[in-house]
Amino acid sequence: MINDPFHPEEAIERERETTRRRLFGVVCAVAITALLVVGYAFIRRFHGQQILANQTPPPTTDKGPKGPPVAHILVDQPSLEKGMTKIGGIVKNTSPSELNGLAIALQLHRRKDGSSEEKLVPVEPGKLQPLEEGAYSLTLPASDYGSITLVGLRADPEAKLVAFTTAPGKPRAPEHLEPRTVIVKRLGRDGEFINTPDNPTKVP
């Protein structure tokens, strides 16, 4: 068709049209390939950010008390007596100021449904001078609560949480077992075997 001697202008025009179509096809192919590459890169980046977000723990707000510790708490090992659990210990004022209205915050975990509740146990005496000590104590039915956890120390004003340190207190007292005397009644007379062929007796 290019060498057609009768219509050289038409042949040239058709050749140009074919070339334009080929160039347009190449441009479209390049554009589509570029879009695919960009889309793949975007999806890969988004997926990586999502994985990173899942692996990074969410930021937490520290709601605990600020500043240096103002008290030192000794936690005695709980004791069990007559079905009751007793927990207690000592609180020492380690600050240079007087502490008022101290109360130990305990978290009680129920055996029945696993729920928990917080209970405030006052420290006696109510006012502690620097280096002075006070005591706290709480008695609960052992069948109701499975565990007790120290979660905080509150003080006036407004029963706000204050910083403290803690350490184990007195160990649990050893259980006292009452001595029992067992009397075994003899089944035979003195000098007589209890179990003989003539006098068979079942031995417990």
N, C-alpha and C. Protein backbone atom coordinates (compact mmCIF):
# COMPACT_ATOMS: atom_id res chain seq x y z
N MET A 1 0.81 -1.20 0.00
CA MET A 1 0.00 0.00 0.00
C MET A 1 0.85 1.26 0.00
N ILE A 2 2.05 1.20 0.63
CA ILE A 2 2.90 2.38 0.69
C ILE A 2 3.43 2.71 -0.70
N ASN A 3 3.68 1.67 -1.51
CA ASN A 3 4.24 1.88 -2.84
C ASN A 3 3.16 1.99 -3.91
N ASP A 4 1.94 2.25 -3.46
CA ASP A 4 0.87 2.40 -4.45
C ASP A 4 1.13 3.66 -5.29
N PRO A 5 1.36 3.48 -6.62
CA PRO A 5 1.70 4.65 -7.45
C PRO A 5 0.52 5.54 -7.72
N PHE A 6 -0.66 5.02 -7.43
CA PHE A 6 -1.82 5.82 -7.79
C PHE A 6 -2.26 6.74 -6.67
N HIS A 7 -2.06 6.35 -5.39
CA HIS A 7 -2.51 7.14 -4.26
C HIS A 7 -1.39 7.24 -3.22
N PRO A 8 -0.32 7.92 -3.53
CA PRO A 8 0.79 8.01 -2.56
C PRO A 8 0.40 8.81 -1.33
N GLU A 9 -0.44 9.85 -1.46
CA GLU A 9 -0.81 10.66 -0.28
C GLU A 9 -1.64 9.86 0.71
N GLU A 10 -2.57 9.04 0.17
CA GLU A 10 -3.40 8.22 1.05
C GLU A 10 -2.56 7.18 1.78
N ALA A 11 -1.58 6.62 1.09
CA ALA A 11 -0.73 5.61 1.72
C ALA A 11 0.08 6.23 2.85
N ILE A 12 0.60 7.44 2.61
CA ILE A 12 1.38 8.12 3.64
C ILE A 12 0.51 8.44 4.85
N GLU A 13 -0.72 8.90 4.57
CA GLU A 13 -1.65 9.25 5.67
C GLU A 13 -2.00 8.01 6.49
N ARG A 14 -2.25 6.88 5.78
CA ARG A 14 -2.57 5.64 6.51
C ARG A 14 -1.40 5.20 7.36
N GLU A 15 -0.18 5.38 6.84
CA GLU A 15 1.01 5.00 7.60
C GLU A 15 1.14 5.87 8.84
N ARG A 16 0.86 7.18 8.69
CA ARG A 16 0.93 8.07 9.85
C ARG A 16 -0.13 7.70 10.89
N GLU A 17 -1.32 7.35 10.41
CA GLU A 17 -2.39 6.97 11.34
C GLU A 17 -2.01 5.71 12.10
N THR A 18 -1.42 4.76 11.39
CA THR A 18 -0.99 3.52 12.06
C THR A 18 0.07 3.82 13.11
N THR A 19 1.00 4.71 12.77
CA THR A 19 2.07 5.06 13.71
C THR A 19 1.49 5.76 14.95
N ARG A 20 0.51 6.65 14.71
CA ARG A 20 -0.11 7.33 15.84
C ARG A 20 -0.83 6.34 16.76
N ARG A 21 -1.52 5.38 16.18
CA ARG A 21 -2.22 4.38 16.99
C ARG A 21 -1.24 3.55 17.81
N ARG A 22 -0.12 3.21 17.17
CA ARG A 22 0.88 2.44 17.90
C ARG A 22 1.46 3.24 19.06
N LEU A 23 1.76 4.52 18.81
CA LEU A 23 2.28 5.37 19.87
C LEU A 23 1.26 5.53 21.00
N PHE A 24 -0.02 5.70 20.60
CA PHE A 24 -1.06 5.83 21.61
C PHE A 24 -1.18 4.56 22.45
N GLY A 25 -1.07 3.40 21.77
CA GLY A 25 -1.12 2.14 22.50
C GLY A 25 0.05 2.00 23.47
N VAL A 26 1.25 2.40 22.99
CA VAL A 26 2.43 2.33 23.87
C VAL A 26 2.27 3.24 25.06
N VAL A 27 1.77 4.49 24.80
CA VAL A 27 1.57 5.43 25.90
C VAL A 27 0.55 4.90 26.90
N CYS A 28 -0.55 4.33 26.41
CA CYS A 28 -1.56 3.75 27.31
C CYS A 28 -0.98 2.61 28.13
N ALA A 29 -0.19 1.75 27.46
CA ALA A 29 0.40 0.63 28.19
C ALA A 29 1.35 1.12 29.29
N VAL A 30 2.16 2.14 28.94
CA VAL A 30 3.08 2.69 29.94
C VAL A 30 2.30 3.33 31.10
N ALA A 31 1.21 4.04 30.76
CA ALA A 31 0.41 4.69 31.80
C ALA A 31 -0.24 3.66 32.72
N ILE A 32 -0.80 2.61 32.12
CA ILE A 32 -1.42 1.56 32.93
C ILE A 32 -0.39 0.88 33.82
N THR A 33 0.79 0.59 33.26
CA THR A 33 1.84 -0.03 34.06
C THR A 33 2.26 0.86 35.22
N ALA A 34 2.38 2.17 34.95
CA ALA A 34 2.75 3.10 36.01
C ALA A 34 1.70 3.14 37.11
N LEU A 35 0.41 3.14 36.70
CA LEU A 35 -0.67 3.13 37.69
C LEU A 35 -0.64 1.87 38.54
N LEU A 36 -0.39 0.73 37.90
CA LEU A 36 -0.31 -0.52 38.65
C LEU A 36 0.84 -0.50 39.65
N VAL A 37 2.00 0.00 39.22
CA VAL A 37 3.16 0.07 40.11
C VAL A 37 2.88 0.99 41.30
N VAL A 38 2.30 2.17 41.00
CA VAL A 38 1.99 3.12 42.07
C VAL A 38 0.95 2.55 43.02
N GLY A 39 -0.08 1.90 42.45
CA GLY A 39 -1.11 1.29 43.30
C GLY A 39 -0.55 0.18 44.16
N TYR A 40 0.32 -0.65 43.61
CA TYR A 40 0.93 -1.72 44.39
C TYR A 40 1.78 -1.14 45.52
N ALA A 41 2.54 -0.09 45.21
CA ALA A 41 3.38 0.53 46.24
C ALA A 41 2.53 1.14 47.35
N PHE A 42 1.40 1.75 46.96
CA PHE A 42 0.51 2.35 47.97
C PHE A 42 -0.10 1.28 48.86
N ILE A 43 -0.57 0.20 48.24
CA ILE A 43 -1.18 -0.88 49.02
C ILE A 43 -0.15 -1.51 49.95
N ARG A 44 1.06 -1.72 49.44
CA ARG A 44 2.10 -2.32 50.27
C ARG A 44 2.46 -1.41 51.46
N ARG A 45 2.53 -0.11 51.19
CA ARG A 45 2.84 0.83 52.28
C ARG A 45 1.72 0.86 53.31
N PHE A 46 0.47 0.87 52.82
CA PHE A 46 -0.68 0.88 53.73
C PHE A 46 -0.71 -0.38 54.58
N HIS A 47 -0.41 -1.53 53.95
CA HIS A 47 -0.38 -2.79 54.68
C HIS A 47 0.72 -2.79 55.73
N GLY A 48 1.89 -2.25 55.39
CA GLY A 48 2.97 -2.17 56.36
C GLY A 48 2.63 -1.27 57.53
N GLN A 49 1.97 -0.15 57.26
CA GLN A 49 1.56 0.74 58.35
C GLN A 49 0.52 0.08 59.24
N GLN A 50 -0.36 -0.71 58.65
CA GLN A 50 -1.38 -1.39 59.44
C GLN A 50 -0.75 -2.44 60.35
N ILE A 51 0.22 -3.18 59.83
CA ILE A 51 0.91 -4.17 60.66
C ILE A 51 1.66 -3.49 61.79
N LEU A 52 2.32 -2.40 61.49
CA LEU A 52 3.06 -1.66 62.52
C LEU A 52 2.13 -1.12 63.59
N ALA A 53 0.95 -0.65 63.15
CA ALA A 53 -0.02 -0.12 64.12
C ALA A 53 -0.54 -1.22 65.02
N ASN A 54 -0.72 -2.43 64.47
CA ASN A 54 -1.21 -3.54 65.28
C ASN A 54 -0.16 -4.02 66.27
N GLN A 55 1.11 -3.91 65.90
CA GLN A 55 2.19 -4.36 66.77
C GLN A 55 2.53 -3.33 67.84
N THR A 56 2.24 -2.07 67.60
CA THR A 56 2.58 -1.02 68.55
C THR A 56 1.48 -0.90 69.59
N PRO A 57 1.77 -1.05 70.89
CA PRO A 57 0.73 -0.93 71.90
C PRO A 57 0.18 0.48 71.94
N PRO A 58 -1.11 0.61 72.22
CA PRO A 58 -1.71 1.95 72.27
C PRO A 58 -1.12 2.76 73.41
N PRO A 59 -1.00 4.05 73.21
CA PRO A 59 -0.45 4.87 74.29
C PRO A 59 -1.36 4.87 75.50
N THR A 60 -0.76 4.81 76.67
CA THR A 60 -1.51 4.80 77.91
C THR A 60 -1.24 6.08 78.67
N THR A 61 -2.27 6.52 79.35
CA THR A 61 -2.14 7.72 80.17
C THR A 61 -1.82 7.33 81.60
N ASP A 62 -0.74 7.84 82.11
CA ASP A 62 -0.33 7.52 83.46
C ASP A 62 -1.19 8.31 84.44
N LYS A 63 -2.09 7.60 85.12
CA LYS A 63 -2.96 8.23 86.09
C LYS A 63 -2.47 8.03 87.51
N GLY A 64 -1.28 7.47 87.68
CA GLY A 64 -0.75 7.22 89.00
C GLY A 64 -0.25 8.48 89.66
N PRO A 65 0.11 8.36 90.94
CA PRO A 65 0.59 9.53 91.67
C PRO A 65 1.94 10.01 91.16
N LYS A 66 2.14 11.32 91.20
CA LYS A 66 3.39 11.92 90.76
C LYS A 66 4.26 12.27 91.97
N GLY A 67 5.55 12.41 91.70
CA GLY A 67 6.46 12.85 92.75
C GLY A 67 7.11 11.71 93.49
N PRO A 68 7.99 12.03 94.44
CA PRO A 68 8.72 11.01 95.20
C PRO A 68 7.79 10.30 96.19
N PRO A 69 8.12 9.08 96.60
CA PRO A 69 7.31 8.36 97.59
C PRO A 69 7.26 9.10 98.92
N VAL A 70 6.10 9.08 99.55
CA VAL A 70 5.93 9.75 100.84
C VAL A 70 5.69 8.74 101.96
N ALA A 71 5.56 7.46 101.61
CA ALA A 71 5.30 6.44 102.63
C ALA A 71 5.88 5.11 102.18
N HIS A 72 6.14 4.25 103.18
CA HIS A 72 6.61 2.89 102.92
C HIS A 72 5.63 1.92 103.57
N ILE A 73 5.12 0.97 102.76
CA ILE A 73 4.08 0.06 103.23
C ILE A 73 4.66 -1.35 103.35
N LEU A 74 4.44 -1.95 104.52
CA LEU A 74 4.78 -3.35 104.75
C LEU A 74 3.49 -4.16 104.69
N VAL A 75 3.48 -5.20 103.86
CA VAL A 75 2.29 -6.03 103.68
C VAL A 75 2.56 -7.39 104.30
N ASP A 76 1.84 -7.69 105.40
CA ASP A 76 1.98 -8.99 106.05
C ASP A 76 1.32 -10.08 105.21
N GLN A 77 1.82 -11.30 105.35
CA GLN A 77 1.18 -12.43 104.67
C GLN A 77 -0.19 -12.68 105.29
N PRO A 78 -1.22 -12.89 104.47
CA PRO A 78 -2.57 -13.11 105.02
C PRO A 78 -2.60 -14.34 105.93
N SER A 79 -3.41 -14.27 106.96
CA SER A 79 -3.59 -15.39 107.88
C SER A 79 -5.03 -15.87 107.81
N LEU A 80 -5.22 -17.16 108.03
CA LEU A 80 -6.55 -17.78 107.97
C LEU A 80 -6.89 -18.35 109.33
N GLU A 81 -8.05 -17.94 109.86
CA GLU A 81 -8.48 -18.41 111.17
C GLU A 81 -10.00 -18.46 111.21
N LYS A 82 -10.52 -19.66 111.48
CA LYS A 82 -11.96 -19.89 111.62
C LYS A 82 -12.73 -19.39 110.39
N GLY A 83 -12.20 -19.68 109.21
CA GLY A 83 -12.88 -19.32 107.98
C GLY A 83 -12.77 -17.86 107.59
N MET A 84 -11.95 -17.09 108.29
CA MET A 84 -11.77 -15.68 108.00
C MET A 84 -10.33 -15.40 107.58
N THR A 85 -10.17 -14.56 106.55
CA THR A 85 -8.85 -14.15 106.09
C THR A 85 -8.54 -12.76 106.64
N LYS A 86 -7.38 -12.63 107.24
CA LYS A 86 -6.98 -11.34 107.80
C LYS A 86 -5.73 -10.86 107.09
N ILE A 87 -5.79 -9.61 106.63
CA ILE A 87 -4.65 -8.99 105.97
C ILE A 87 -4.36 -7.66 106.66
N GLY A 88 -3.10 -7.34 106.80
CA GLY A 88 -2.73 -6.10 107.48
C GLY A 88 -1.27 -5.79 107.25
N GLY A 89 -0.80 -4.76 107.93
CA GLY A 89 0.59 -4.35 107.79
C GLY A 89 0.84 -3.01 108.45
N ILE A 90 1.97 -2.43 108.08
CA ILE A 90 2.44 -1.18 108.67
C ILE A 90 2.65 -0.14 107.57
N VAL A 91 2.33 1.11 107.87
CA VAL A 91 2.60 2.24 106.97
C VAL A 91 3.51 3.21 107.71
N LYS A 92 4.62 3.56 107.09
CA LYS A 92 5.59 4.49 107.70
C LYS A 92 5.66 5.77 106.87
N ASN A 93 5.55 6.89 107.54
CA ASN A 93 5.65 8.19 106.87
C ASN A 93 7.13 8.49 106.60
N THR A 94 7.52 8.46 105.33
CA THR A 94 8.90 8.70 104.95
C THR A 94 9.10 10.11 104.38
N SER A 95 8.07 10.95 104.47
CA SER A 95 8.16 12.31 103.95
C SER A 95 8.53 13.27 105.09
N PRO A 96 8.95 14.48 104.77
CA PRO A 96 9.26 15.46 105.81
C PRO A 96 8.03 16.17 106.36
N SER A 97 6.84 15.81 105.88
CA SER A 97 5.62 16.49 106.30
C SER A 97 4.67 15.51 106.98
N GLU A 98 3.69 16.06 107.66
CA GLU A 98 2.66 15.24 108.29
C GLU A 98 1.70 14.70 107.24
N LEU A 99 1.28 13.44 107.41
CA LEU A 99 0.31 12.82 106.51
C LEU A 99 -0.99 12.60 107.27
N ASN A 100 -2.09 13.00 106.66
CA ASN A 100 -3.40 12.89 107.29
C ASN A 100 -4.32 12.00 106.47
N GLY A 101 -5.22 11.32 107.16
CA GLY A 101 -6.27 10.55 106.49
C GLY A 101 -5.75 9.47 105.58
N LEU A 102 -4.70 8.79 105.97
CA LEU A 102 -4.17 7.72 105.11
C LEU A 102 -5.12 6.53 105.08
N ALA A 103 -5.23 5.94 103.89
CA ALA A 103 -6.06 4.74 103.72
C ALA A 103 -5.44 3.86 102.65
N ILE A 104 -5.38 2.58 102.93
CA ILE A 104 -4.85 1.60 101.98
C ILE A 104 -5.95 1.21 101.00
N ALA A 105 -5.67 1.27 99.72
CA ALA A 105 -6.63 0.85 98.69
C ALA A 105 -6.32 -0.59 98.30
N LEU A 106 -7.27 -1.48 98.56
CA LEU A 106 -7.13 -2.90 98.25
C LEU A 106 -8.13 -3.30 97.18
N GLN A 107 -7.69 -4.16 96.27
CA GLN A 107 -8.59 -4.71 95.26
C GLN A 107 -8.95 -6.14 95.66
N LEU A 108 -10.23 -6.38 95.86
CA LEU A 108 -10.71 -7.67 96.31
C LEU A 108 -11.28 -8.44 95.12
N HIS A 109 -10.83 -9.68 94.94
CA HIS A 109 -11.28 -10.52 93.82
C HIS A 109 -12.21 -11.61 94.38
N ARG A 110 -13.45 -11.61 93.90
CA ARG A 110 -14.44 -12.57 94.38
C ARG A 110 -14.21 -13.95 93.76
N ARG A 111 -14.49 -14.97 94.57
CA ARG A 111 -14.36 -16.35 94.08
C ARG A 111 -15.53 -16.73 93.18
N LYS A 112 -16.72 -16.22 93.47
CA LYS A 112 -17.93 -16.70 92.80
C LYS A 112 -17.94 -16.37 91.32
N ASP A 113 -17.76 -15.11 90.98
CA ASP A 113 -17.87 -14.69 89.58
C ASP A 113 -16.62 -14.04 89.02
N GLY A 114 -15.53 -13.96 89.82
CA GLY A 114 -14.28 -13.39 89.34
C GLY A 114 -14.27 -11.88 89.29
N SER A 115 -15.35 -11.23 89.74
CA SER A 115 -15.39 -9.78 89.73
C SER A 115 -14.49 -9.21 90.83
N SER A 116 -14.24 -7.92 90.76
CA SER A 116 -13.37 -7.27 91.73
C SER A 116 -13.99 -5.97 92.21
N GLU A 117 -13.58 -5.56 93.37
CA GLU A 117 -14.03 -4.30 93.93
C GLU A 117 -12.89 -3.70 94.74
N GLU A 118 -12.91 -2.37 94.89
CA GLU A 118 -11.87 -1.69 95.64
C GLU A 118 -12.41 -1.30 97.01
N LYS A 119 -11.58 -1.52 98.02
CA LYS A 119 -11.98 -1.19 99.39
C LYS A 119 -10.87 -0.38 100.03
N LEU A 120 -11.25 0.69 100.75
CA LEU A 120 -10.31 1.54 101.46
C LEU A 120 -10.24 1.11 102.92
N VAL A 121 -9.04 0.86 103.39
CA VAL A 121 -8.81 0.45 104.77
C VAL A 121 -8.06 1.57 105.47
N PRO A 122 -8.64 2.21 106.48
CA PRO A 122 -7.97 3.34 107.13
C PRO A 122 -6.73 2.90 107.90
N VAL A 123 -5.77 3.81 107.97
CA VAL A 123 -4.54 3.59 108.74
C VAL A 123 -4.72 4.26 110.10
N GLU A 124 -4.38 3.54 111.15
CA GLU A 124 -4.48 4.07 112.50
C GLU A 124 -3.08 4.22 113.10
N PRO A 125 -2.77 5.39 113.70
CA PRO A 125 -3.63 6.57 113.89
C PRO A 125 -3.85 7.35 112.60
N GLY A 126 -4.80 8.27 112.65
CA GLY A 126 -5.19 9.01 111.46
C GLY A 126 -4.15 10.01 110.99
N LYS A 127 -3.24 10.43 111.89
CA LYS A 127 -2.18 11.38 111.53
C LYS A 127 -0.82 10.75 111.80
N LEU A 128 0.06 10.86 110.82
CA LEU A 128 1.42 10.32 110.97
C LEU A 128 2.43 11.45 110.78
N GLN A 129 3.23 11.65 111.80
CA GLN A 129 4.33 12.60 111.69
C GLN A 129 5.48 11.95 110.92
N PRO A 130 6.46 12.73 110.46
CA PRO A 130 7.60 12.14 109.76
C PRO A 130 8.23 11.01 110.56
N LEU A 131 8.49 9.89 109.90
CA LEU A 131 9.09 8.67 110.46
C LEU A 131 8.16 7.95 111.43
N GLU A 132 6.93 8.39 111.59
CA GLU A 132 5.98 7.71 112.46
C GLU A 132 5.27 6.60 111.69
N GLU A 133 4.86 5.55 112.41
CA GLU A 133 4.23 4.39 111.78
C GLU A 133 2.78 4.25 112.22
N GLY A 134 1.97 3.71 111.32
CA GLY A 134 0.59 3.36 111.61
C GLY A 134 0.29 1.97 111.10
N ALA A 135 -0.83 1.42 111.54
CA ALA A 135 -1.19 0.05 111.17
C ALA A 135 -2.53 0.03 110.45
N TYR A 136 -2.73 -0.98 109.61
CA TYR A 136 -4.00 -1.19 108.94
C TYR A 136 -4.32 -2.67 109.00
N SER A 137 -5.61 -2.99 109.01
CA SER A 137 -6.03 -4.39 109.13
C SER A 137 -7.41 -4.56 108.52
N LEU A 138 -7.64 -5.70 107.88
CA LEU A 138 -8.92 -6.01 107.26
C LEU A 138 -9.19 -7.50 107.39
N THR A 139 -10.40 -7.87 107.82
CA THR A 139 -10.80 -9.27 107.96
C THR A 139 -12.00 -9.53 107.07
N LEU A 140 -11.90 -10.60 106.26
CA LEU A 140 -12.94 -10.93 105.30
C LEU A 140 -13.21 -12.44 105.32
N PRO A 141 -14.42 -12.86 104.92
CA PRO A 141 -14.70 -14.30 104.81
C PRO A 141 -13.82 -14.93 103.73
N ALA A 142 -13.12 -15.98 104.08
CA ALA A 142 -12.22 -16.63 103.12
C ALA A 142 -12.98 -17.27 101.97
N SER A 143 -14.25 -17.63 102.19
CA SER A 143 -15.03 -18.27 101.14
C SER A 143 -15.52 -17.29 100.08
N ASP A 144 -15.48 -15.99 100.38
CA ASP A 144 -16.00 -14.99 99.44
C ASP A 144 -14.94 -14.45 98.50
N TYR A 145 -13.70 -14.34 98.96
CA TYR A 145 -12.65 -13.68 98.18
C TYR A 145 -11.47 -14.63 97.97
N GLY A 146 -11.01 -14.66 96.70
CA GLY A 146 -9.90 -15.53 96.36
C GLY A 146 -8.54 -14.89 96.55
N SER A 147 -8.44 -13.59 96.30
CA SER A 147 -7.16 -12.90 96.44
C SER A 147 -7.40 -11.43 96.75
N ILE A 148 -6.39 -10.81 97.35
CA ILE A 148 -6.45 -9.40 97.72
C ILE A 148 -5.15 -8.75 97.25
N THR A 149 -5.25 -7.62 96.55
CA THR A 149 -4.09 -6.95 95.97
C THR A 149 -4.02 -5.51 96.44
N LEU A 150 -2.82 -5.08 96.84
CA LEU A 150 -2.59 -3.69 97.20
C LEU A 150 -2.46 -2.87 95.92
N VAL A 151 -3.32 -1.86 95.75
CA VAL A 151 -3.32 -1.08 94.51
C VAL A 151 -2.97 0.39 94.73
N GLY A 152 -3.00 0.89 95.96
CA GLY A 152 -2.69 2.30 96.13
C GLY A 152 -2.74 2.74 97.58
N LEU A 153 -2.34 3.98 97.78
CA LEU A 153 -2.38 4.64 99.08
C LEU A 153 -3.00 6.01 98.88
N ARG A 154 -4.04 6.28 99.64
CA ARG A 154 -4.74 7.56 99.52
C ARG A 154 -4.54 8.39 100.78
N ALA A 155 -4.54 9.71 100.60
CA ALA A 155 -4.35 10.63 101.71
C ALA A 155 -5.16 11.88 101.47
N ASP A 156 -5.48 12.58 102.55
CA ASP A 156 -6.17 13.87 102.43
C ASP A 156 -5.20 14.90 101.86
N PRO A 157 -5.67 15.96 101.24
CA PRO A 157 -7.10 16.25 101.04
C PRO A 157 -7.68 15.48 99.86
N GLU A 158 -8.97 15.26 99.91
CA GLU A 158 -9.74 14.65 98.82
C GLU A 158 -9.32 13.21 98.54
N ALA A 159 -8.69 12.56 99.51
CA ALA A 159 -8.32 11.15 99.38
C ALA A 159 -7.59 10.86 98.07
N LYS A 160 -6.65 11.71 97.71
CA LYS A 160 -5.92 11.53 96.45
C LYS A 160 -4.84 10.47 96.62
N LEU A 161 -4.48 9.85 95.50
CA LEU A 161 -3.42 8.84 95.51
C LEU A 161 -2.07 9.50 95.71
N VAL A 162 -1.23 8.87 96.54
CA VAL A 162 0.12 9.37 96.78
C VAL A 162 1.10 8.25 96.48
N ALA A 163 2.33 8.64 96.16
CA ALA A 163 3.37 7.66 95.82
C ALA A 163 3.87 6.96 97.07
N PHE A 164 4.26 5.70 96.92
CA PHE A 164 4.73 4.92 98.06
C PHE A 164 5.65 3.81 97.58
N THR A 165 6.37 3.23 98.50
CA THR A 165 7.14 2.02 98.25
C THR A 165 6.56 0.91 99.11
N THR A 166 6.87 -0.32 98.76
CA THR A 166 6.29 -1.45 99.48
C THR A 166 7.30 -2.57 99.65
N ALA A 167 7.08 -3.41 100.65
CA ALA A 167 7.95 -4.55 100.93
C ALA A 167 7.16 -5.58 101.72
N PRO A 168 7.58 -6.85 101.69
CA PRO A 168 6.88 -7.88 102.49
C PRO A 168 6.99 -7.58 103.99
N GLY A 169 5.91 -7.87 104.71
CA GLY A 169 5.90 -7.67 106.15
C GLY A 169 6.11 -8.97 106.90
N LYS A 170 5.30 -9.19 107.93
CA LYS A 170 5.45 -10.38 108.76
C LYS A 170 5.00 -11.63 107.99
N PRO A 171 5.72 -12.73 108.16
CA PRO A 171 5.28 -13.97 107.51
C PRO A 171 4.06 -14.53 108.22
N ARG A 172 3.39 -15.45 107.55
CA ARG A 172 2.21 -16.08 108.13
C ARG A 172 2.61 -16.92 109.33
N ALA A 173 1.85 -16.81 110.42
CA ALA A 173 2.15 -17.58 111.62
C ALA A 173 1.89 -19.06 111.36
N PRO A 174 2.75 -19.95 111.90
CA PRO A 174 2.53 -21.39 111.68
C PRO A 174 1.24 -21.85 112.34
N GLU A 175 0.58 -22.80 111.68
CA GLU A 175 -0.68 -23.31 112.21
C GLU A 175 -0.43 -24.10 113.49
N HIS A 176 -1.30 -23.90 114.48
CA HIS A 176 -1.18 -24.59 115.76
C HIS A 176 -2.13 -25.77 115.77
N LEU A 177 -1.57 -26.97 115.89
CA LEU A 177 -2.36 -28.19 115.90
C LEU A 177 -2.52 -28.66 117.34
N GLU A 178 -3.77 -28.86 117.76
CA GLU A 178 -4.04 -29.35 119.11
C GLU A 178 -3.67 -30.82 119.21
N PRO A 179 -2.94 -31.21 120.29
CA PRO A 179 -2.61 -32.64 120.47
C PRO A 179 -3.85 -33.45 120.76
N ARG A 180 -3.90 -34.64 120.19
CA ARG A 180 -5.05 -35.53 120.38
C ARG A 180 -4.55 -36.87 120.91
N THR A 181 -5.26 -37.40 121.88
CA THR A 181 -4.93 -38.70 122.46
C THR A 181 -5.91 -39.73 121.96
N VAL A 182 -5.39 -40.81 121.36
CA VAL A 182 -6.22 -41.87 120.81
C VAL A 182 -6.13 -43.08 121.74
N ILE A 183 -7.27 -43.55 122.23
CA ILE A 183 -7.32 -44.70 123.12
C ILE A 183 -7.86 -45.90 122.35
N VAL A 184 -7.07 -46.98 122.33
CA VAL A 184 -7.47 -48.21 121.63
C VAL A 184 -7.93 -49.23 122.66
N LYS A 185 -9.11 -49.69 122.54
CA LYS A 185 -9.67 -50.67 123.47
C LYS A 185 -9.21 -52.07 123.11
N ARG A 186 -8.69 -52.80 124.11
CA ARG A 186 -8.25 -54.17 123.87
C ARG A 186 -9.43 -55.08 123.71
N LEU A 187 -9.28 -56.05 122.82
CA LEU A 187 -10.35 -57.02 122.56
C LEU A 187 -10.16 -58.32 123.32
N GLY A 188 -8.97 -58.54 123.89
CA GLY A 188 -8.71 -59.80 124.62
C GLY A 188 -8.24 -59.54 126.03
N ARG A 189 -8.00 -60.63 126.77
CA ARG A 189 -7.50 -60.50 128.13
C ARG A 189 -6.00 -60.38 128.14
N ASP A 190 -5.44 -60.01 129.29
CA ASP A 190 -3.99 -59.88 129.40
C ASP A 190 -3.31 -61.19 129.11
N GLY A 191 -2.26 -61.15 128.32
CA GLY A 191 -1.50 -62.34 127.98
C GLY A 191 -2.15 -63.18 126.90
N GLU A 192 -3.28 -62.74 126.34
CA GLU A 192 -3.98 -63.50 125.31
C GLU A 192 -3.83 -62.81 123.96
N PHE A 193 -3.53 -63.63 122.94
CA PHE A 193 -3.45 -63.09 121.59
C PHE A 193 -4.84 -62.64 121.12
N ILE A 194 -4.87 -61.49 120.52
CA ILE A 194 -6.16 -60.98 120.05
C ILE A 194 -6.68 -61.79 118.89
N ASN A 195 -5.81 -62.19 117.98
CA ASN A 195 -6.22 -62.88 116.76
C ASN A 195 -5.54 -64.23 116.72
N THR A 196 -6.30 -65.30 116.95
CA THR A 196 -5.79 -66.66 116.92
C THR A 196 -6.72 -67.51 116.09
N PRO A 197 -6.30 -68.69 115.66
CA PRO A 197 -7.22 -69.55 114.89
C PRO A 197 -8.50 -69.88 115.67
N ASP A 198 -8.35 -69.98 117.03
CA ASP A 198 -9.54 -70.27 117.84
C ASP A 198 -10.39 -69.03 118.13
N ASN A 199 -9.74 -67.86 118.00
CA ASN A 199 -10.46 -66.62 118.31
C ASN A 199 -10.16 -65.60 117.20
N PRO A 200 -10.68 -65.84 116.00
CA PRO A 200 -10.37 -64.91 114.89
C PRO A 200 -11.03 -63.55 115.11
N THR A 201 -10.24 -62.53 114.88
CA THR A 201 -10.72 -61.16 115.02
C THR A 201 -10.27 -60.37 113.83
N LYS A 202 -11.16 -59.56 113.29
CA LYS A 202 -10.82 -58.73 112.15
C LYS A 202 -9.94 -57.55 112.58
N VAL A 203 -8.77 -57.45 111.96
CA VAL A 203 -7.84 -56.38 112.28
C VAL A 203 -8.18 -55.18 111.41
N PRO A 204 -8.36 -54.02 112.01
CA PRO A 204 -8.71 -52.85 111.20
C PRO A 204 -7.58 -52.42 110.30
